[in-house]
Amino acid sequence: MAILCAVIFHSLLFTALGAYLDQSGPPQNADVVFVLAGDASGHRILKGAELVRQGYAPRVVVSGPAGNYGYYECDLAIPFAVKAGYPESEFVRFPHNALSTREEAAVAAGELRKLGAHRVLLVTSLYHTRRAGGDFRDAAPDLTFIVVAAPDENFTPGGWWHNREARKIFLGEWMKTVASWFRI
């Protein structure tokens, strides 16, 4: 009976599990946009730049851990956005050596305070919004974070199981989510 129910209702269950990861909302006016690292496609930085263009904040802080071939991610992301037509003057480099979202939140909190930010548009991928928002709110409870999702061509809460890349994203994000519950 349980197997029959699982077969019949798998789409509902899978959609609910995918939707749980999404805790994004619409953008609001803020002091700064903070673009999280970890997006090789460029969707996050372009979303951050678009939010500045739309007038939600005056600048984009681009997170950039050390990474490939000795470059900080922010040093690759900003020229990518400039090439897409956004002015370089809107971006603030934030190189660091954090290795996780929790570590990134901890180092970013000090930088955001130094910049005088109180309200922050936090831009990340849709599947990462719940965990990232929680990590940043834990690291800086004195700041307000509005989490905004960047588009992703692979992951959608209602169909991730149909796409191999989305299945990998889903499993990875759920492993990290469960680990974060236990502060691992």
C-alpha atoms as a PDB file:
ATOM      1  CA  MET A   1       0.000   0.000   0.000  1.00  0.00           C
ATOM      2  CA  ALA A   2       2.816   2.410   0.892  1.00  0.00           C
ATOM      3  CA  ILE A   3       4.534   1.728  -2.426  1.00  0.00           C
ATOM      4  CA  LEU A   4       1.301   2.377  -4.315  1.00  0.00           C
ATOM      5  CA  CYS A   5       0.830   5.703  -2.498  1.00  0.00           C
ATOM      6  CA  ALA A   6       4.444   6.646  -3.209  1.00  0.00           C
ATOM      7  CA  VAL A   7       3.982   5.924  -6.905  1.00  0.00           C
ATOM      8  CA  ILE A   8       0.726   7.850  -7.108  1.00  0.00           C
ATOM      9  CA  PHE A   9       1.811  10.851  -5.033  1.00  0.00           C
ATOM     10  CA  HIS A  10       5.519  11.076  -5.842  1.00  0.00           C
ATOM     11  CA  SER A  11       5.090  14.311  -7.807  1.00  0.00           C
ATOM     12  CA  LEU A  12       3.401  15.998  -4.850  1.00  0.00           C
ATOM     13  CA  LEU A  13       6.063  14.773  -2.439  1.00  0.00           C
ATOM     14  CA  PHE A  14       8.967  15.722  -4.730  1.00  0.00           C
ATOM     15  CA  THR A  15       7.442  19.148  -5.373  1.00  0.00           C
ATOM     16  CA  ALA A  16       7.013  19.762  -1.635  1.00  0.00           C
ATOM     17  CA  LEU A  17      10.635  18.759  -0.972  1.00  0.00           C
ATOM     18  CA  GLY A  18      11.843  21.071  -3.750  1.00  0.00           C
ATOM     19  CA  ALA A  19       9.613  23.922  -2.603  1.00  0.00           C
ATOM     20  CA  TYR A  20      10.905  23.631   0.966  1.00  0.00           C
ATOM     21  CA  LEU A  21      14.327  24.763  -0.240  1.00  0.00           C
ATOM     22  CA  ASP A  22      12.856  28.002  -1.632  1.00  0.00           C
ATOM     23  CA  GLN A  23      12.421  30.774   0.882  1.00  0.00           C
ATOM     24  CA  SER A  24      12.862  33.666  -1.496  1.00  0.00           C
ATOM     25  CA  GLY A  25      10.692  36.703  -1.789  1.00  0.00           C
ATOM     26  CA  PRO A  26      10.230  39.756  -3.951  1.00  0.00           C
ATOM     27  CA  PRO A  27      12.910  42.430  -3.815  1.00  0.00           C
ATOM     28  CA  GLN A  28      12.493  45.454  -1.568  1.00  0.00           C
ATOM     29  CA  ASN A  29      14.477  48.644  -1.213  1.00  0.00           C
ATOM     30  CA  ALA A  30      17.748  48.013   0.592  1.00  0.00           C
ATOM     31  CA  ASP A  31      21.103  49.578   1.363  1.00  0.00           C
ATOM     32  CA  VAL A  32      23.023  47.045  -0.699  1.00  0.00           C
ATOM     33  CA  VAL A  33      22.713  43.899  -2.780  1.00  0.00           C
ATOM     34  CA  PHE A  34      24.955  41.034  -1.652  1.00  0.00           C
ATOM     35  CA  VAL A  35      25.581  38.346  -4.276  1.00  0.00           C
ATOM     36  CA  LEU A  36      26.608  35.017  -2.807  1.00  0.00           C
ATOM     37  CA  ALA A  37      29.457  33.061  -4.289  1.00  0.00           C
ATOM     38  CA  GLY A  38      29.097  29.653  -5.871  1.00  0.00           C
ATOM     39  CA  ASP A  39      27.458  30.388  -9.218  1.00  0.00           C
ATOM     40  CA  ALA A  40      29.606  29.597 -12.231  1.00  0.00           C
ATOM     41  CA  SER A  41      26.755  30.449 -14.648  1.00  0.00           C
ATOM     42  CA  GLY A  42      26.640  34.145 -13.725  1.00  0.00           C
ATOM     43  CA  HIS A  43      22.919  34.182 -12.939  1.00  0.00           C
ATOM     44  CA  ARG A  44      23.437  35.499  -9.410  1.00  0.00           C
ATOM     45  CA  ILE A  45      25.608  38.473 -10.335  1.00  0.00           C
ATOM     46  CA  LEU A  46      23.345  39.407 -13.236  1.00  0.00           C
ATOM     47  CA  LYS A  47      20.322  39.284 -10.916  1.00  0.00           C
ATOM     48  CA  GLY A  48      22.161  41.498  -8.424  1.00  0.00           C
ATOM     49  CA  ALA A  49      23.075  43.981 -11.155  1.00  0.00           C
ATOM     50  CA  GLU A  50      19.489  43.959 -12.413  1.00  0.00           C
ATOM     51  CA  LEU A  51      18.233  44.826  -8.915  1.00  0.00           C
ATOM     52  CA  VAL A  52      20.560  47.841  -8.810  1.00  0.00           C
ATOM     53  CA  ARG A  53      19.408  48.876 -12.282  1.00  0.00           C
ATOM     54  CA  GLN A  54      15.800  48.644 -11.077  1.00  0.00           C
ATOM     55  CA  GLY A  55      16.628  50.983  -8.181  1.00  0.00           C
ATOM     56  CA  TYR A  56      16.331  48.581  -5.238  1.00  0.00           C
ATOM     57  CA  ALA A  57      19.852  49.390  -3.975  1.00  0.00           C
ATOM     58  CA  PRO A  58      22.770  51.588  -5.054  1.00  0.00           C
ATOM     59  CA  ARG A  59      25.468  48.906  -5.340  1.00  0.00           C
ATOM     60  CA  VAL A  60      26.261  45.209  -5.467  1.00  0.00           C
ATOM     61  CA  VAL A  61      28.728  43.571  -3.118  1.00  0.00           C
ATOM     62  CA  VAL A  62      30.124  40.561  -4.962  1.00  0.00           C
ATOM     63  CA  SER A  63      31.277  37.737  -2.743  1.00  0.00           C
ATOM     64  CA  GLY A  64      34.279  35.922  -4.038  1.00  0.00           C
ATOM     65  CA  PRO A  65      36.165  33.149  -2.343  1.00  0.00           C
ATOM     66  CA  ALA A  66      39.520  32.026  -3.607  1.00  0.00           C
ATOM     67  CA  GLY A  67      39.026  29.397  -6.242  1.00  0.00           C
ATOM     68  CA  ASN A  68      39.957  28.279  -9.689  1.00  0.00           C
ATOM     69  CA  TYR A  69      43.472  28.954 -10.921  1.00  0.00           C
ATOM     70  CA  GLY A  70      44.230  31.375  -8.088  1.00  0.00           C
ATOM     71  CA  TYR A  71      41.401  33.823  -8.870  1.00  0.00           C
ATOM     72  CA  TYR A  72      38.802  35.091  -6.460  1.00  0.00           C
ATOM     73  CA  GLU A  73      35.309  34.467  -7.780  1.00  0.00           C
ATOM     74  CA  CYS A  74      34.427  38.176  -7.538  1.00  0.00           C
ATOM     75  CA  ASP A  75      37.336  38.961  -9.886  1.00  0.00           C
ATOM     76  CA  LEU A  76      35.724  36.782 -12.537  1.00  0.00           C
ATOM     77  CA  ALA A  77      32.085  37.681 -11.855  1.00  0.00           C
ATOM     78  CA  ILE A  78      32.403  41.460 -12.056  1.00  0.00           C
ATOM     79  CA  PRO A  79      33.990  41.521 -15.562  1.00  0.00           C
ATOM     80  CA  PHE A  80      31.280  39.060 -16.631  1.00  0.00           C
ATOM     81  CA  ALA A  81      28.579  41.523 -15.519  1.00  0.00           C
ATOM     82  CA  VAL A  82      30.414  44.465 -17.094  1.00  0.00           C
ATOM     83  CA  LYS A  83      30.578  42.543 -20.364  1.00  0.00           C
ATOM     84  CA  ALA A  84      26.791  42.069 -20.062  1.00  0.00           C
ATOM     85  CA  GLY A  85      26.373  45.870 -19.991  1.00  0.00           C
ATOM     86  CA  TYR A  86      26.430  46.809 -16.314  1.00  0.00           C
ATOM     87  CA  PRO A  87      28.760  49.605 -15.150  1.00  0.00           C
ATOM     88  CA  GLU A  88      31.762  48.473 -13.123  1.00  0.00           C
ATOM     89  CA  SER A  89      31.185  51.330 -10.669  1.00  0.00           C
ATOM     90  CA  GLU A  90      28.092  49.535  -9.276  1.00  0.00           C
ATOM     91  CA  PHE A  91      30.153  46.608  -7.949  1.00  0.00           C
ATOM     92  CA  VAL A  92      32.152  46.204  -4.759  1.00  0.00           C
ATOM     93  CA  ARG A  93      34.664  43.345  -4.634  1.00  0.00           C
ATOM     94  CA  PHE A  94      34.571  41.169  -1.533  1.00  0.00           C
ATOM     95  CA  PRO A  95      37.367  38.593  -1.741  1.00  0.00           C
ATOM     96  CA  HIS A  96      37.586  36.098   1.115  1.00  0.00           C
ATOM     97  CA  ASN A  97      38.556  32.525   1.907  1.00  0.00           C
ATOM     98  CA  ALA A  98      35.283  31.107   3.263  1.00  0.00           C
ATOM     99  CA  LEU A  99      34.558  27.517   2.295  1.00  0.00           C
ATOM    100  CA  SER A 100      30.846  27.286   3.119  1.00  0.00           C
ATOM    101  CA  THR A 101      27.755  29.458   3.171  1.00  0.00           C
ATOM    102  CA  ARG A 102      27.930  29.629   6.976  1.00  0.00           C
ATOM    103  CA  GLU A 103      31.554  30.815   6.825  1.00  0.00           C
ATOM    104  CA  GLU A 104      30.690  33.244   4.028  1.00  0.00           C
ATOM    105  CA  ALA A 105      27.888  34.706   6.173  1.00  0.00           C
ATOM    106  CA  ALA A 106      30.231  35.157   9.127  1.00  0.00           C
ATOM    107  CA  VAL A 107      32.856  37.072   7.137  1.00  0.00           C
ATOM    108  CA  ALA A 108      30.236  39.005   5.157  1.00  0.00           C
ATOM    109  CA  ALA A 109      28.507  40.275   8.310  1.00  0.00           C
ATOM    110  CA  GLY A 110      31.506  42.417   9.231  1.00  0.00           C
ATOM    111  CA  GLU A 111      31.879  43.727   5.689  1.00  0.00           C
ATOM    112  CA  LEU A 112      28.196  44.660   5.459  1.00  0.00           C
ATOM    113  CA  ARG A 113      28.370  46.520   8.786  1.00  0.00           C
ATOM    114  CA  LYS A 114      31.542  48.307   7.622  1.00  0.00           C
ATOM    115  CA  LEU A 115      29.621  49.461   4.534  1.00  0.00           C
ATOM    116  CA  GLY A 116      26.842  50.812   6.772  1.00  0.00           C
ATOM    117  CA  ALA A 117      24.229  48.369   5.491  1.00  0.00           C
ATOM    118  CA  HIS A 118      21.146  47.632   7.558  1.00  0.00           C
ATOM    119  CA  ARG A 119      18.859  46.137   4.891  1.00  0.00           C
ATOM    120  CA  VAL A 120      20.443  43.704   2.454  1.00  0.00           C
ATOM    121  CA  LEU A 121      19.085  42.036  -0.657  1.00  0.00           C
ATOM    122  CA  LEU A 122      20.728  38.622  -0.509  1.00  0.00           C
ATOM    123  CA  VAL A 123      20.928  37.096  -3.996  1.00  0.00           C
ATOM    124  CA  THR A 124      21.455  33.388  -4.459  1.00  0.00           C
ATOM    125  CA  SER A 125      20.016  30.480  -6.410  1.00  0.00           C
ATOM    126  CA  LEU A 126      16.415  29.512  -5.653  1.00  0.00           C
ATOM    127  CA  TYR A 127      17.316  26.134  -4.148  1.00  0.00           C
ATOM    128  CA  HIS A 128      19.819  27.840  -1.822  1.00  0.00           C
ATOM    129  CA  THR A 129      17.557  30.601  -0.478  1.00  0.00           C
ATOM    130  CA  ARG A 130      16.309  28.910   2.708  1.00  0.00           C
ATOM    131  CA  ARG A 131      19.704  27.793   3.964  1.00  0.00           C
ATOM    132  CA  ALA A 132      21.543  30.961   2.915  1.00  0.00           C
ATOM    133  CA  GLY A 133      18.927  33.213   4.503  1.00  0.00           C
ATOM    134  CA  GLY A 134      19.162  31.281   7.748  1.00  0.00           C
ATOM    135  CA  ASP A 135      22.950  31.363   7.805  1.00  0.00           C
ATOM    136  CA  PHE A 136      23.091  35.114   7.170  1.00  0.00           C
ATOM    137  CA  ARG A 137      20.382  35.895   9.727  1.00  0.00           C
ATOM    138  CA  ASP A 138      22.219  33.779  12.310  1.00  0.00           C
ATOM    139  CA  ALA A 139      25.524  35.519  11.559  1.00  0.00           C
ATOM    140  CA  ALA A 140      24.079  39.033  11.656  1.00  0.00           C
ATOM    141  CA  PRO A 141      20.775  39.211  13.570  1.00  0.00           C
ATOM    142  CA  ASP A 142      21.127  43.004  13.667  1.00  0.00           C
ATOM    143  CA  LEU A 143      20.778  43.201   9.866  1.00  0.00           C
ATOM    144  CA  THR A 144      17.686  42.584   7.774  1.00  0.00           C
ATOM    145  CA  PHE A 145      18.115  40.138   4.890  1.00  0.00           C
ATOM    146  CA  ILE A 146      15.614  39.927   2.042  1.00  0.00           C
ATOM    147  CA  VAL A 147      16.471  36.807   0.061  1.00  0.00           C
ATOM    148  CA  VAL A 148      15.964  37.082  -3.695  1.00  0.00           C
ATOM    149  CA  ALA A 149      16.335  34.131  -6.045  1.00  0.00           C
ATOM    150  CA  ALA A 150      18.400  34.267  -9.196  1.00  0.00           C
ATOM    151  CA  PRO A 151      17.035  32.235 -12.108  1.00  0.00           C
ATOM    152  CA  ASP A 152      18.314  28.731 -12.699  1.00  0.00           C
ATOM    153  CA  GLU A 153      17.696  26.851 -15.927  1.00  0.00           C
ATOM    154  CA  ASN A 154      18.006  23.473 -14.240  1.00  0.00           C
ATOM    155  CA  PHE A 155      16.200  23.596 -10.910  1.00  0.00           C
ATOM    156  CA  THR A 156      12.494  24.183 -10.421  1.00  0.00           C
ATOM    157  CA  PRO A 157      10.671  22.980  -7.297  1.00  0.00           C
ATOM    158  CA  GLY A 158       7.968  21.334  -9.379  1.00  0.00           C
ATOM    159  CA  GLY A 159      10.121  19.390 -11.801  1.00  0.00           C
ATOM    160  CA  TRP A 160      13.667  18.955 -10.512  1.00  0.00           C
ATOM    161  CA  TRP A 161      13.458  15.138 -10.693  1.00  0.00           C
ATOM    162  CA  HIS A 162      13.184  15.262 -14.513  1.00  0.00           C
ATOM    163  CA  ASN A 163      16.627  16.829 -14.981  1.00  0.00           C
ATOM    164  CA  ARG A 164      19.934  15.164 -14.071  1.00  0.00           C
ATOM    165  CA  GLU A 165      21.651  18.420 -13.085  1.00  0.00           C
ATOM    166  CA  ALA A 166      18.654  19.396 -10.963  1.00  0.00           C
ATOM    167  CA  ARG A 167      18.690  16.030  -9.204  1.00  0.00           C
ATOM    168  CA  LYS A 168      22.342  16.588  -8.288  1.00  0.00           C
ATOM    169  CA  ILE A 169      21.527  20.107  -7.068  1.00  0.00           C
ATOM    170  CA  PHE A 170      18.562  18.828  -5.043  1.00  0.00           C
ATOM    171  CA  LEU A 171      20.523  16.049  -3.345  1.00  0.00           C
ATOM    172  CA  GLY A 172      23.483  18.293  -2.584  1.00  0.00           C
ATOM    173  CA  GLU A 173      21.335  21.066  -1.158  1.00  0.00           C
ATOM    174  CA  TRP A 174      19.294  18.669   0.962  1.00  0.00           C
ATOM    175  CA  MET A 175      22.478  17.104   2.378  1.00  0.00           C
ATOM    176  CA  LYS A 176      23.732  20.579   3.294  1.00  0.00           C
ATOM    177  CA  THR A 177      20.332  21.527   4.720  1.00  0.00           C
ATOM    178  CA  VAL A 178      20.199  18.484   6.983  1.00  0.00           C
ATOM    179  CA  ALA A 179      23.817  19.070   8.025  1.00  0.00           C
ATOM    180  CA  SER A 180      22.968  22.669   8.912  1.00  0.00           C
ATOM    181  CA  TRP A 181      20.127  21.481  11.176  1.00  0.00           C
ATOM    182  CA  PHE A 182      22.780  19.693  13.229  1.00  0.00           C
ATOM    183  CA  ARG A 183      25.345  22.490  12.852  1.00  0.00           C
ATOM    184  CA  ILE A 184      27.708  20.096  11.100  1.00  0.00           C
END
